[in-house]
Amino acid sequence: MAVHEHPHRSPGFHLPSLRRHRNASSSESGVSALSGTHTARAYVLASLRLLTGFVFLWAFLDKTFGLGYATSSGRGWIDGGSPTRGFLSGVAAGPMESTLHSWAGDAWADWLFMLGLLGIGVALITGVALRLAALAGSVMMALMWVAEWPPAQHLSDGSPSMSTNPFADYHLVYAVVLIALAAASAGDTLGLGRAWAKLPLVSRSRWLR
């Protein structure tokens, strides 16, 4: 029996192998795009962390040294001024109005407020202890939200409160940002988050992360 060869069927050329090559290239492109997206997201969150940290740290520095922005020169904490007196004594609405008035200027309130600003600012700038910073910052923002009391359309003296929103204001935005940064481990990029997480105490107690 004669065996007829078909020269047009070259064993060296197989279309399926080309398809596999194309699929591999597509897969590699997909992985590269995913990696690029992850990197971009990490840097965006790190930038948000640094900017937010600067907000808190600058507030501490301005109120401590009276740098002439929110706190005028000569009225800083080191000059004998109170970081809480002006804000808390000016509360004019909400269910905690009288309570916050009684706290205004108290040493314990000044120290807690300033240590909170410093601790949150340093934690965000360095990228460590973001969960603790998120907890402390959320409590601070909640108290400041209550102090300003956005739901009120009128102050206790009957004048317009000038509130622009009955619920969402910048204090809530800051609180959500702090929680998001902690949840996303934003300190791992442009920060010391990875090194902090490897410390024995932190590795045993994840809430310190």
Protein backbone atom coordinates (compact mmCIF):
# COMPACT_ATOMS: atom_id res chain seq x y z
CA MET A 1 0.00 0.00 0.00
CA ALA A 2 1.45 3.32 -1.00
CA VAL A 3 1.52 6.14 1.52
CA HIS A 4 0.76 9.52 0.00
CA GLU A 5 2.37 12.47 1.68
CA HIS A 6 0.74 15.90 1.64
CA PRO A 7 3.52 18.48 1.41
CA HIS A 8 1.12 21.39 2.06
CA ARG A 9 0.53 20.09 5.59
CA SER A 10 3.81 21.26 7.08
CA PRO A 11 4.42 19.79 10.56
CA GLY A 12 6.43 22.88 11.46
CA PHE A 13 3.47 25.26 11.37
CA HIS A 14 0.54 24.91 13.75
CA LEU A 15 -2.04 27.65 14.12
CA PRO A 16 -3.02 26.54 17.67
CA SER A 17 0.49 27.31 18.92
CA LEU A 18 0.13 30.85 17.60
CA ARG A 19 -3.13 31.17 19.47
CA ARG A 20 -1.48 29.95 22.64
CA HIS A 21 1.23 32.56 22.17
CA ARG A 22 -1.40 35.23 21.73
CA ASN A 23 -3.26 34.05 24.82
CA ALA A 24 -0.03 34.11 26.84
CA SER A 25 0.72 37.62 25.61
CA SER A 26 -2.79 38.76 26.55
CA SER A 27 -2.43 37.17 29.97
CA GLU A 28 0.92 38.89 30.53
CA SER A 29 -0.56 42.21 29.42
CA GLY A 30 -3.46 41.72 31.81
CA VAL A 31 -1.13 40.99 34.71
CA SER A 32 1.00 44.01 33.82
CA ALA A 33 -2.06 46.27 33.66
CA LEU A 34 -3.32 44.92 36.98
CA SER A 35 0.07 45.48 38.58
CA GLY A 36 0.20 49.01 37.20
CA THR A 37 -3.28 49.75 38.52
CA HIS A 38 -2.35 48.39 41.95
CA THR A 39 0.81 50.52 42.02
CA ALA A 40 -1.06 53.65 40.98
CA ARG A 41 -3.71 53.02 43.65
CA ALA A 42 -1.01 52.53 46.29
CA TYR A 43 0.65 55.83 45.42
CA VAL A 44 -2.67 57.69 45.34
CA LEU A 45 -3.53 56.39 48.82
CA ALA A 46 -0.04 57.19 50.08
CA SER A 47 -0.39 60.75 48.77
CA LEU A 48 -3.77 61.08 50.46
CA ARG A 49 -2.22 59.78 53.69
CA LEU A 50 0.63 62.29 53.59
CA LEU A 51 -1.65 65.22 52.82
CA THR A 52 -4.07 64.26 55.58
CA GLY A 53 -1.18 63.80 57.99
CA PHE A 54 0.08 67.27 57.13
CA VAL A 55 -3.35 68.72 57.94
CA PHE A 56 -3.26 67.26 61.45
CA LEU A 57 0.43 67.95 62.07
CA TRP A 58 0.17 71.54 60.85
CA ALA A 59 -2.83 72.14 63.11
CA PHE A 60 -0.71 70.97 66.04
CA LEU A 61 2.24 73.18 65.09
CA ASP A 62 0.11 76.25 64.44
CA LYS A 63 -1.78 75.94 67.71
CA THR A 64 1.41 75.24 69.64
CA PHE A 65 3.63 78.01 68.29
CA GLY A 66 1.09 80.54 66.99
CA LEU A 67 2.33 80.53 63.39
CA GLY A 68 -0.15 83.17 62.30
CA TYR A 69 -2.70 81.05 60.47
CA ALA A 70 -5.59 79.73 62.59
CA THR A 71 -3.64 80.84 65.69
CA SER A 72 -2.20 84.33 65.69
CA SER A 73 1.36 85.03 66.81
CA GLY A 74 1.75 85.26 70.57
CA ARG A 75 -1.40 83.24 71.28
CA GLY A 76 0.08 79.77 70.85
CA TRP A 77 -0.01 77.01 73.42
CA ILE A 78 3.57 77.74 74.48
CA ASP A 79 2.58 81.38 75.04
CA GLY A 80 -0.11 80.36 77.53
CA GLY A 81 -2.98 80.21 75.07
CA SER A 82 -5.56 77.43 75.15
CA PRO A 83 -6.04 75.34 72.00
CA THR A 84 -9.62 74.45 72.97
CA ARG A 85 -11.00 77.58 74.64
CA GLY A 86 -11.86 79.51 71.50
CA PHE A 87 -13.50 76.63 69.67
CA LEU A 88 -15.40 75.04 72.54
CA SER A 89 -16.56 78.30 74.08
CA GLY A 90 -17.95 79.27 70.69
CA VAL A 91 -20.23 76.23 70.40
CA ALA A 92 -23.73 77.63 69.88
CA ALA A 93 -25.89 74.65 68.94
CA GLY A 94 -26.41 70.98 69.61
CA PRO A 95 -27.15 68.72 72.55
CA MET A 96 -23.66 69.07 74.09
CA GLU A 97 -23.45 72.87 74.00
CA SER A 98 -23.28 73.42 77.76
CA THR A 99 -21.00 70.43 78.32
CA LEU A 100 -18.52 71.60 75.70
CA HIS A 101 -18.58 75.09 77.21
CA SER A 102 -17.56 73.62 80.54
CA TRP A 103 -14.64 71.80 78.89
CA ALA A 104 -13.31 74.90 77.12
CA GLY A 105 -9.81 75.77 78.28
CA ASP A 106 -9.46 72.88 80.73
CA ALA A 107 -5.90 71.55 80.85
CA TRP A 108 -6.96 67.96 80.30
CA ALA A 109 -8.96 68.95 77.21
CA ASP A 110 -6.02 70.94 75.83
CA TRP A 111 -3.58 68.08 76.37
CA LEU A 112 -5.85 65.40 74.90
CA PHE A 113 -6.65 67.53 71.88
CA MET A 114 -3.04 68.47 71.16
CA LEU A 115 -1.67 64.98 71.75
CA GLY A 116 -4.38 63.68 69.43
CA LEU A 117 -3.38 66.09 66.67
CA LEU A 118 0.31 65.27 67.10
CA GLY A 119 -0.16 61.51 67.32
CA ILE A 120 -2.50 61.30 64.34
CA GLY A 121 -0.29 63.58 62.27
CA VAL A 122 2.92 61.65 63.01
CA ALA A 123 1.20 58.28 62.44
CA LEU A 124 -0.09 59.35 59.04
CA ILE A 125 3.16 60.98 57.91
CA THR A 126 5.24 57.94 58.88
CA GLY A 127 2.62 55.35 57.91
CA VAL A 128 2.62 53.49 61.23
CA ALA A 129 -0.17 52.66 63.68
CA LEU A 130 -2.82 53.72 61.17
CA ARG A 131 -5.54 51.72 62.92
CA LEU A 132 -4.94 53.56 66.20
CA ALA A 133 -4.82 56.85 64.29
CA ALA A 134 -8.12 56.01 62.57
CA LEU A 135 -9.76 55.23 65.91
CA ALA A 136 -8.45 58.34 67.68
CA GLY A 137 -9.13 60.55 64.68
CA SER A 138 -12.68 59.28 64.24
CA VAL A 139 -13.47 59.98 67.89
CA MET A 140 -11.98 63.47 67.59
CA MET A 141 -13.90 64.19 64.37
CA ALA A 142 -17.13 62.90 65.90
CA LEU A 143 -16.77 65.26 68.86
CA MET A 144 -16.01 68.18 66.58
CA TRP A 145 -19.03 67.28 64.42
CA VAL A 146 -21.22 67.36 67.52
CA ALA A 147 -19.67 70.69 68.51
CA GLU A 148 -20.55 72.28 65.18
CA TRP A 149 -23.84 70.35 64.94
CA PRO A 150 -24.60 70.61 61.19
CA PRO A 151 -28.28 69.53 61.58
CA ALA A 152 -29.12 72.85 63.27
CA GLN A 153 -30.56 75.50 60.96
CA HIS A 154 -30.46 78.06 63.76
CA LEU A 155 -28.10 78.69 66.66
CA SER A 156 -29.24 78.79 70.25
CA ASP A 157 -29.73 82.56 70.00
CA GLY A 158 -32.03 82.15 67.01
CA SER A 159 -29.62 83.40 64.35
CA PRO A 160 -29.02 81.32 61.18
CA SER A 161 -26.41 78.63 61.66
CA MET A 162 -25.22 78.91 58.04
CA SER A 163 -24.94 75.12 57.95
CA THR A 164 -24.70 73.92 54.36
CA ASN A 165 -25.57 70.28 54.99
CA PRO A 166 -27.62 68.57 57.74
CA PHE A 167 -25.28 65.59 58.03
CA ALA A 168 -22.16 65.34 55.86
CA ASP A 169 -19.42 67.84 56.63
CA TYR A 170 -15.64 67.78 56.46
CA HIS A 171 -15.30 66.15 59.88
CA LEU A 172 -17.10 63.05 58.64
CA VAL A 173 -15.05 63.08 55.45
CA TYR A 174 -11.82 63.12 57.47
CA ALA A 175 -13.07 60.24 59.63
CA VAL A 176 -13.90 58.12 56.58
CA VAL A 177 -10.53 58.96 55.01
CA LEU A 178 -8.70 57.84 58.16
CA ILE A 179 -10.62 54.56 58.25
CA ALA A 180 -10.02 53.94 54.54
CA LEU A 181 -6.29 54.58 54.86
CA ALA A 182 -6.02 52.14 57.74
CA ALA A 183 -8.09 49.48 55.96
CA ALA A 184 -5.97 49.80 52.79
CA SER A 185 -2.65 49.63 54.69
CA ALA A 186 -1.71 52.92 53.04
CA GLY A 187 1.42 53.17 55.16
CA ASP A 188 3.13 50.40 53.18
CA THR A 189 3.88 52.80 50.30
CA LEU A 190 6.04 55.86 50.94
CA GLY A 191 5.93 55.00 54.62
CA LEU A 192 7.22 52.70 57.33
CA GLY A 193 4.13 50.51 57.43
CA ARG A 194 5.82 47.27 56.34
CA ALA A 195 8.70 47.66 58.79
CA TRP A 196 6.24 48.56 61.56
CA ALA A 197 4.14 45.46 60.84
CA LYS A 198 7.20 43.21 61.23
CA LEU A 199 7.89 44.34 64.80
CA PRO A 200 7.23 41.46 67.24
CA LEU A 201 4.67 43.40 69.30
CA VAL A 202 2.78 44.59 66.22
CA SER A 203 2.84 41.16 64.55
CA ARG A 204 1.29 39.67 67.70
CA SER A 205 -1.28 42.44 68.09
CA ARG A 206 -2.75 43.25 64.69
CA TRP A 207 -4.82 46.11 66.09
CA LEU A 208 -1.56 48.03 66.40
CA ARG A 209 -1.04 47.74 62.65
